[in-house]
Protein backbone atom coordinates (compact mmCIF):
# COMPACT_ATOMS: atom_id res chain seq x y z
CA MET A 1 -10.20 -15.80 13.04
CA GLU A 2 -10.77 -19.45 13.74
CA GLY A 3 -7.79 -21.31 15.06
CA VAL A 4 -6.04 -18.15 16.23
CA LYS A 5 -4.96 -18.22 19.76
CA LYS A 6 -5.16 -15.22 21.90
CA SER A 7 -1.54 -15.41 22.59
CA HIS A 8 -0.87 -13.99 19.13
CA TYR A 9 -1.98 -10.58 20.37
CA TYR A 10 0.96 -8.58 21.64
CA ASN A 11 1.63 -5.72 24.14
CA TYR A 12 3.35 -3.96 21.27
CA SER A 13 3.84 -1.10 23.63
CA THR A 14 6.63 -3.31 25.42
CA LEU A 15 8.73 -4.17 22.23
CA GLY A 16 10.82 -1.05 22.08
CA VAL A 17 14.08 -1.71 20.52
CA LEU A 18 14.43 -5.03 19.17
CA ASP A 19 17.59 -7.03 18.26
CA LEU A 20 18.97 -4.84 15.72
CA LYS A 21 21.56 -5.88 13.03
CA ASP A 22 24.78 -4.02 13.09
CA VAL A 23 24.88 -1.11 10.69
CA GLY A 24 26.68 -2.26 7.54
CA VAL A 25 28.64 0.03 5.21
CA ASP A 26 25.59 0.07 2.82
CA ASP A 27 22.91 0.29 5.72
CA VAL A 28 20.77 3.17 6.92
CA SER A 29 19.68 3.23 10.64
CA LEU A 30 16.88 5.16 11.25
CA LYS A 31 14.55 6.06 14.44
CA ILE A 32 11.13 5.12 13.58
CA THR A 33 8.65 8.13 14.02
CA HIS A 34 5.44 6.32 12.41
CA CYS A 35 3.95 3.13 10.93
CA GLY A 36 1.15 2.50 9.07
CA VAL A 37 -1.25 -0.37 9.62
CA CYS A 38 -1.99 -2.54 6.68
CA TYR A 39 -4.23 -5.65 6.29
CA ALA A 40 -1.04 -7.60 5.86
CA ASP A 41 -0.48 -6.91 9.46
CA VAL A 42 -3.70 -8.72 10.17
CA SER A 43 -2.95 -11.38 7.88
CA TRP A 44 0.36 -12.65 9.29
CA THR A 45 -0.20 -11.70 13.06
CA ARG A 46 -3.19 -14.29 12.69
CA ASN A 47 -1.14 -16.76 10.49
CA GLY A 48 -3.54 -16.37 7.73
CA HIS A 49 -1.09 -17.59 5.37
CA GLY A 50 0.12 -20.43 7.50
CA ASP A 51 3.77 -19.16 7.63
CA SER A 52 4.03 -16.65 10.44
CA ARG A 53 7.03 -16.79 12.53
CA TYR A 54 6.38 -15.89 16.11
CA PRO A 55 7.13 -13.76 17.89
CA LEU A 56 6.23 -11.62 14.88
CA VAL A 57 6.70 -7.71 14.69
CA PRO A 58 4.59 -6.55 11.69
CA GLY A 59 4.58 -3.02 9.71
CA HIS A 60 5.94 -2.20 6.41
CA GLU A 61 4.84 1.39 6.10
CA ILE A 62 7.59 2.79 7.96
CA VAL A 63 8.91 6.29 8.29
CA GLY A 64 11.56 7.95 10.46
CA ILE A 65 14.71 10.08 10.90
CA VAL A 66 18.15 8.81 9.73
CA LYS A 67 20.42 8.35 12.87
CA GLU A 68 23.43 6.53 11.29
CA VAL A 69 24.68 5.63 7.92
CA GLY A 70 27.34 3.23 6.72
CA SER A 71 30.38 4.31 5.17
CA ASN A 72 29.72 3.60 1.51
CA VAL A 73 25.98 5.37 1.77
CA ARG A 74 25.84 8.38 -0.40
CA GLY A 75 22.01 8.94 -0.66
CA PHE A 76 21.17 9.64 2.92
CA LYS A 77 22.56 11.64 5.67
CA VAL A 78 21.99 11.83 9.53
CA GLY A 79 18.65 13.89 10.00
CA ASP A 80 17.11 13.00 6.76
CA HIS A 81 13.32 11.87 6.85
CA VAL A 82 13.01 8.39 5.16
CA GLY A 83 10.68 5.60 4.41
CA VAL A 84 10.83 1.84 4.24
CA GLY A 85 8.25 -0.03 2.59
CA THR A 86 7.27 -3.76 1.96
CA ILE A 87 10.57 -5.12 1.15
CA VAL A 88 14.09 -4.75 2.49
CA ASN A 89 16.39 -7.01 0.34
CA SER A 90 16.46 -8.62 -3.00
CA CYS A 91 19.41 -10.27 -5.26
CA ARG A 92 20.18 -6.91 -6.77
CA ASP A 93 21.35 -8.80 -9.90
CA CYS A 94 18.37 -10.28 -11.87
CA GLU A 95 16.75 -8.54 -14.80
CA TYR A 96 14.04 -7.17 -12.54
CA CYS A 97 16.42 -5.75 -9.88
CA ASN A 98 18.49 -4.34 -12.49
CA ASP A 99 15.57 -2.53 -13.87
CA ASP A 100 14.61 -1.28 -10.50
CA LYS A 101 11.78 -3.69 -9.93
CA GLU A 102 13.21 -5.30 -6.89
CA ASN A 103 9.56 -6.24 -5.66
CA CYS A 104 9.47 -8.68 -8.64
CA CYS A 105 13.16 -10.06 -7.89
CA ILE A 106 13.54 -13.37 -9.93
CA LYS A 107 15.01 -15.13 -6.74
CA GLY A 108 12.57 -13.78 -4.36
CA CYS A 109 12.62 -10.40 -2.43
CA VAL A 110 12.85 -10.24 1.14
CA LEU A 111 9.79 -8.99 3.03
CA THR A 112 10.09 -6.18 5.66
CA PHE A 113 8.70 -8.32 8.55
CA ASN A 114 8.15 -12.22 8.66
CA GLY A 115 10.73 -12.69 6.07
CA VAL A 116 14.02 -14.74 6.02
CA ASP A 117 16.97 -12.54 4.96
CA VAL A 118 20.09 -13.62 3.35
CA ASP A 119 21.92 -14.27 6.89
CA GLY A 120 19.06 -16.31 7.70
CA THR A 121 17.48 -13.86 10.35
CA ILE A 122 13.67 -13.19 10.58
CA THR A 123 13.10 -9.76 9.64
CA LYS A 124 10.92 -7.47 12.05
CA GLY A 125 8.91 -4.58 10.99
CA GLY A 126 7.93 -1.12 12.08
CA TYR A 127 6.02 -1.67 15.28
CA SER A 128 9.37 -0.84 16.96
CA SER A 129 11.87 2.07 17.61
CA TYR A 130 14.39 1.42 15.24
CA VAL A 131 15.26 -0.49 11.87
CA VAL A 132 18.49 -0.90 9.80
CA VAL A 133 18.02 -1.49 6.23
CA HIS A 134 20.14 -1.34 3.15
CA GLU A 135 20.14 2.02 1.42
CA ARG A 136 18.52 0.68 -1.82
CA TYR A 137 15.28 0.07 -0.04
CA CYS A 138 15.08 3.38 1.77
CA PHE A 139 13.31 6.56 0.13
CA LYS A 140 13.79 9.91 0.83
CA ILE A 141 10.79 12.01 2.21
CA PRO A 142 10.76 15.74 1.62
CA ASP A 143 11.42 17.79 4.59
CA HIS A 144 8.03 19.56 4.28
CA TYR A 145 6.01 16.44 3.97
CA PRO A 146 4.42 15.24 7.30
CA LEU A 147 5.97 12.12 8.44
CA ALA A 148 2.76 10.50 9.62
CA SER A 149 1.11 11.19 6.16
CA ALA A 150 3.88 9.55 4.53
CA ALA A 151 3.64 6.07 5.92
CA PRO A 152 0.56 4.91 4.01
CA LEU A 153 2.32 5.88 0.59
CA LEU A 154 5.03 3.08 1.34
CA CYS A 155 2.40 0.33 0.65
CA ALA A 156 -1.23 1.74 -0.02
CA GLY A 157 0.00 4.46 -2.09
CA ILE A 158 2.57 2.64 -4.39
CA THR A 159 0.04 -0.16 -4.83
CA VAL A 160 -2.19 1.89 -6.76
CA TYR A 161 0.21 4.18 -8.32
CA SER A 162 2.50 1.66 -9.81
CA PRO A 163 -0.26 0.24 -11.80
CA MET A 164 -1.72 3.55 -12.77
CA MET A 165 1.80 4.68 -14.07
CA ARG A 166 2.43 1.47 -15.89
CA HIS A 167 -0.92 1.56 -17.94
CA ASN A 168 -0.72 5.36 -18.56
CA MET A 169 -3.63 6.35 -16.42
CA ASN A 170 -2.31 9.73 -15.98
CA GLN A 171 -3.71 11.09 -19.16
CA PRO A 172 -5.84 14.23 -18.22
CA GLY A 173 -9.55 14.17 -19.48
CA LYS A 174 -9.77 10.17 -19.62
CA SER A 175 -12.11 8.38 -17.13
CA LEU A 176 -11.32 6.46 -14.19
CA GLY A 177 -13.33 3.83 -12.16
CA VAL A 178 -12.26 2.93 -8.64
CA ILE A 179 -13.95 -0.15 -7.18
CA GLY A 180 -13.58 0.01 -3.07
CA LEU A 181 -12.90 3.01 -1.01
CA GLY A 182 -10.36 2.03 1.63
CA GLY A 183 -6.89 2.48 2.12
CA LEU A 184 -5.83 1.72 -1.52
CA GLY A 185 -9.28 2.97 -2.92
CA HIS A 186 -8.96 6.44 -1.52
CA MET A 187 -5.46 6.75 -2.77
CA ALA A 188 -6.64 5.72 -6.31
CA VAL A 189 -9.06 8.44 -6.15
CA LYS A 190 -6.38 11.08 -5.10
CA PHE A 191 -4.05 10.21 -7.92
CA GLY A 192 -6.63 10.20 -10.40
CA LYS A 193 -7.66 13.58 -9.68
CA ALA A 194 -4.18 14.89 -9.63
CA PHE A 195 -3.57 13.21 -13.20
CA GLY A 196 -6.80 15.22 -14.15
CA LEU A 197 -8.94 12.11 -14.86
CA LYS A 198 -12.59 11.99 -14.22
CA VAL A 199 -13.12 9.71 -11.36
CA ILE A 200 -16.03 7.53 -10.50
CA VAL A 201 -16.09 5.58 -7.23
CA PHE A 202 -18.05 2.18 -7.00
CA SER A 203 -19.20 0.87 -3.67
CA THR A 204 -21.62 -1.24 -2.14
CA SER A 205 -22.13 1.46 0.56
CA ILE A 206 -24.24 4.56 0.26
CA SER A 207 -22.59 5.74 3.45
CA LYS A 208 -19.50 6.66 1.52
CA LYS A 209 -20.96 8.72 -1.12
CA GLU A 210 -20.51 12.07 0.86
CA GLU A 211 -17.04 11.58 1.50
CA ALA A 212 -16.05 10.12 -1.96
CA LEU A 213 -17.48 13.27 -3.37
CA ASN A 214 -16.99 16.06 -0.97
CA LEU A 215 -13.90 14.94 0.97
CA LEU A 216 -11.93 13.05 -1.79
CA GLY A 217 -13.23 15.01 -4.89
CA ALA A 218 -14.66 12.13 -6.93
CA ASP A 219 -16.57 13.26 -10.10
CA TYR A 220 -19.26 10.54 -9.44
CA PHE A 221 -20.56 7.79 -6.90
CA VAL A 222 -22.01 4.61 -7.90
CA ILE A 223 -23.71 1.97 -5.85
CA SER A 224 -22.54 -1.34 -7.91
CA SER A 225 -25.68 -2.95 -6.92
CA ASP A 226 -27.98 -0.81 -8.78
CA GLN A 227 -28.29 -1.98 -12.16
CA GLU A 228 -29.74 1.14 -13.69
CA GLN A 229 -26.79 3.36 -12.61
CA MET A 230 -24.37 0.73 -13.85
CA LYS A 231 -26.10 0.26 -17.20
CA ALA A 232 -25.81 4.05 -17.71
CA LEU A 233 -21.98 3.92 -17.45
CA ALA A 234 -21.66 1.00 -20.09
CA LYS A 235 -18.55 1.29 -22.39
CA SER A 236 -17.81 4.60 -20.88
CA LEU A 237 -14.43 4.14 -18.59
CA ASP A 238 -10.99 3.95 -20.10
CA PHE A 239 -9.66 2.61 -16.95
CA ILE A 240 -10.89 0.51 -13.60
CA VAL A 241 -8.77 0.12 -10.78
CA ASP A 242 -10.17 -2.67 -8.44
CA THR A 243 -8.98 -2.40 -4.81
CA ALA A 244 -11.79 -4.79 -3.45
CA SER A 245 -10.56 -7.88 -1.75
CA GLY A 246 -13.81 -9.33 -0.94
CA ASP A 247 -15.49 -11.65 -3.45
CA HIS A 248 -17.49 -9.73 -6.26
CA PRO A 249 -18.53 -10.22 -9.83
CA PHE A 250 -16.23 -8.99 -12.62
CA ASP A 251 -18.38 -9.19 -15.87
CA PRO A 252 -20.48 -6.02 -14.70
CA TYR A 253 -17.35 -3.79 -14.22
CA LEU A 254 -15.73 -5.25 -17.49
CA GLY A 255 -18.96 -3.96 -19.38
CA LEU A 256 -18.15 -0.62 -18.30
CA LEU A 257 -14.91 -0.22 -19.92
CA LYS A 258 -14.54 1.26 -23.42
CA ILE A 259 -13.08 -0.61 -26.24
CA GLY A 260 -9.38 -1.41 -25.38
CA GLY A 261 -10.01 -0.37 -21.84
CA ILE A 262 -7.65 -1.50 -18.96
CA TYR A 263 -8.84 -3.39 -15.71
CA THR A 264 -6.14 -3.44 -12.77
CA LEU A 265 -6.84 -5.64 -9.98
CA VAL A 266 -4.89 -4.80 -6.79
CA GLY A 267 -7.13 -6.61 -4.09
CA PHE A 268 -7.12 -10.24 -3.56
CA PRO A 269 -10.62 -11.68 -3.82
CA SER A 270 -10.66 -15.63 -3.48
CA GLU A 271 -11.43 -16.11 -7.31
CA ILE A 272 -11.50 -14.23 -10.29
CA LYS A 273 -14.23 -15.53 -12.77
CA PHE A 274 -15.70 -13.54 -16.06
CA SER A 275 -16.86 -14.35 -19.38
CA PRO A 276 -14.46 -14.53 -22.14
CA ALA A 277 -16.77 -12.33 -24.11
CA SER A 278 -16.39 -9.37 -21.51
CA LEU A 279 -12.93 -9.30 -22.48
CA ASN A 280 -12.55 -10.57 -26.02
CA LEU A 281 -15.30 -8.62 -27.62
CA GLY A 282 -14.17 -5.21 -26.25
CA LEU A 283 -10.39 -5.76 -26.62
CA ARG A 284 -9.93 -5.20 -22.98
CA SER A 285 -7.20 -6.26 -20.90
CA VAL A 286 -7.03 -7.49 -17.38
CA SER A 287 -3.95 -7.07 -15.51
CA GLY A 288 -2.55 -7.52 -11.58
CA SER A 289 -0.24 -5.67 -9.53
CA ILE A 290 1.49 -5.46 -6.20
CA THR A 291 3.43 -2.57 -4.71
CA GLY A 292 6.26 -1.16 -6.96
CA GLY A 293 10.11 -1.12 -7.21
CA SER A 294 12.53 1.53 -5.84
CA LYS A 295 12.35 4.04 -8.68
CA MET A 296 8.49 4.17 -8.77
CA ILE A 297 8.41 4.43 -5.11
CA GLN A 298 10.72 7.51 -5.00
CA GLU A 299 8.77 9.19 -7.76
CA MET A 300 5.34 8.58 -6.01
CA ILE A 301 6.89 10.08 -2.98
CA ASP A 302 8.08 13.15 -5.09
CA PHE A 303 4.93 13.40 -6.81
CA CYS A 304 2.90 13.57 -3.55
CA GLY A 305 5.15 16.14 -2.28
CA VAL A 306 4.95 18.41 -5.08
CA ASN A 307 1.36 17.94 -5.59
CA LYS A 308 0.26 18.08 -1.80
CA ILE A 309 -1.30 14.56 -1.82
CA TYR A 310 -1.88 13.34 1.54
CA PRO A 311 -3.46 10.16 2.55
CA ASN A 312 -6.57 10.39 4.99
CA ILE A 313 -5.35 8.89 8.31
CA GLU A 314 -6.20 8.24 11.89
CA VAL A 315 -3.07 8.49 14.15
CA ILE A 316 -3.20 6.09 17.42
CA PRO A 317 -0.78 4.88 19.86
CA ILE A 318 1.02 1.85 19.85
CA GLY A 319 -0.99 0.44 22.74
CA TYR A 320 -4.07 0.63 20.50
CA VAL A 321 -3.03 -1.61 17.80
CA ASN A 322 -4.82 -4.68 18.72
CA GLU A 323 -8.14 -2.77 18.64
CA ALA A 324 -6.89 -0.99 15.25
CA LEU A 325 -6.62 -4.42 13.84
CA GLU A 326 -10.02 -5.51 14.69
CA ARG A 327 -11.39 -2.25 13.42
CA LEU A 328 -9.49 -3.00 10.11
CA ILE A 329 -11.28 -6.37 9.69
CA LYS A 330 -14.65 -4.73 10.29
CA ARG A 331 -13.60 -1.94 7.78
CA ASP A 332 -14.17 0.65 10.53
CA ILE A 333 -11.47 3.15 9.22
CA LYS A 334 -11.25 6.13 7.27
CA TYR A 335 -8.80 5.50 5.51
CA ARG A 336 -5.53 4.28 7.25
CA PHE A 337 -4.40 3.94 10.79
CA VAL A 338 -0.94 5.21 11.51
CA ILE A 339 0.81 4.32 14.71
CA ASP A 340 2.67 7.14 16.72
CA ILE A 341 5.62 5.17 17.26
CA GLU A 342 7.96 8.07 18.43
CA ASN A 343 5.56 9.39 21.23
CA SER A 344 4.09 5.95 22.32
CA LEU A 345 7.36 3.83 22.42
CA LYS A 346 9.55 5.62 24.75
């Protein structure tokens, strides 16, 4: 990106163990085995938000094995498989924290990397060997669930699962449109099928048709620029999950919703613009969402374990991360990179 110095690329394979905080009475220390690669890693390593604190260690789709627990910890024991997601602290006392929605903490939650914790230290993420986290922000992964596959659940998975559950998109027989087929979109397809929905994938690329239908199990595939295909689906969908972050029109998609349909945006286009008539005349609702709170995250992980839902991943060594970030920018990934920390940081 423009204005980004080459020095902002790191040799992550040399990071190893960072300055770990002591294991407090409520903390869990885990040896990281895998870490997913999210577009947030691109944004903050390249100072996309203007607030990056270097040297920055990204990674907020962390999984590993518990090595030590504090004296007050009751939910985890040494040897447990554990995940850590996008936040590692919050006030734990506001109405949202008390409702297990720590990601909406009224006083602001602490991000897993590039955040400022309550003691003033800068948080560092999963591109490392170990991490110490308060048990509230740790999640138990079933022993039979592959750790590499679990990593993307901690951000990509929960980002679509949370709004789908909040808006009752788990009603068998109803119809779901999924816009975009990247890391988030392919998980929305998997959850939709697990819920018993009829799933329609919308994409600008015909090259994704075969995988959408045959690999991910979508019921239909639509090229969103094809007006005839779009017109044929007018007022036919109960729900839409929009995972696209690039700028795109909204009115054509809103017109696909039934009366009272729900459109959920989880991507970050530069603007949202649509005609009020698209909303008002169809009694439709538009909502936004980001990740999820502790209760919802654990529920999602357990749901994936029971229903054998696994993200589609490409496992890479830590030394390949810079190339992976470049490929992520080019959307050259099906559908999530996962770093094999355990075998490439020794």
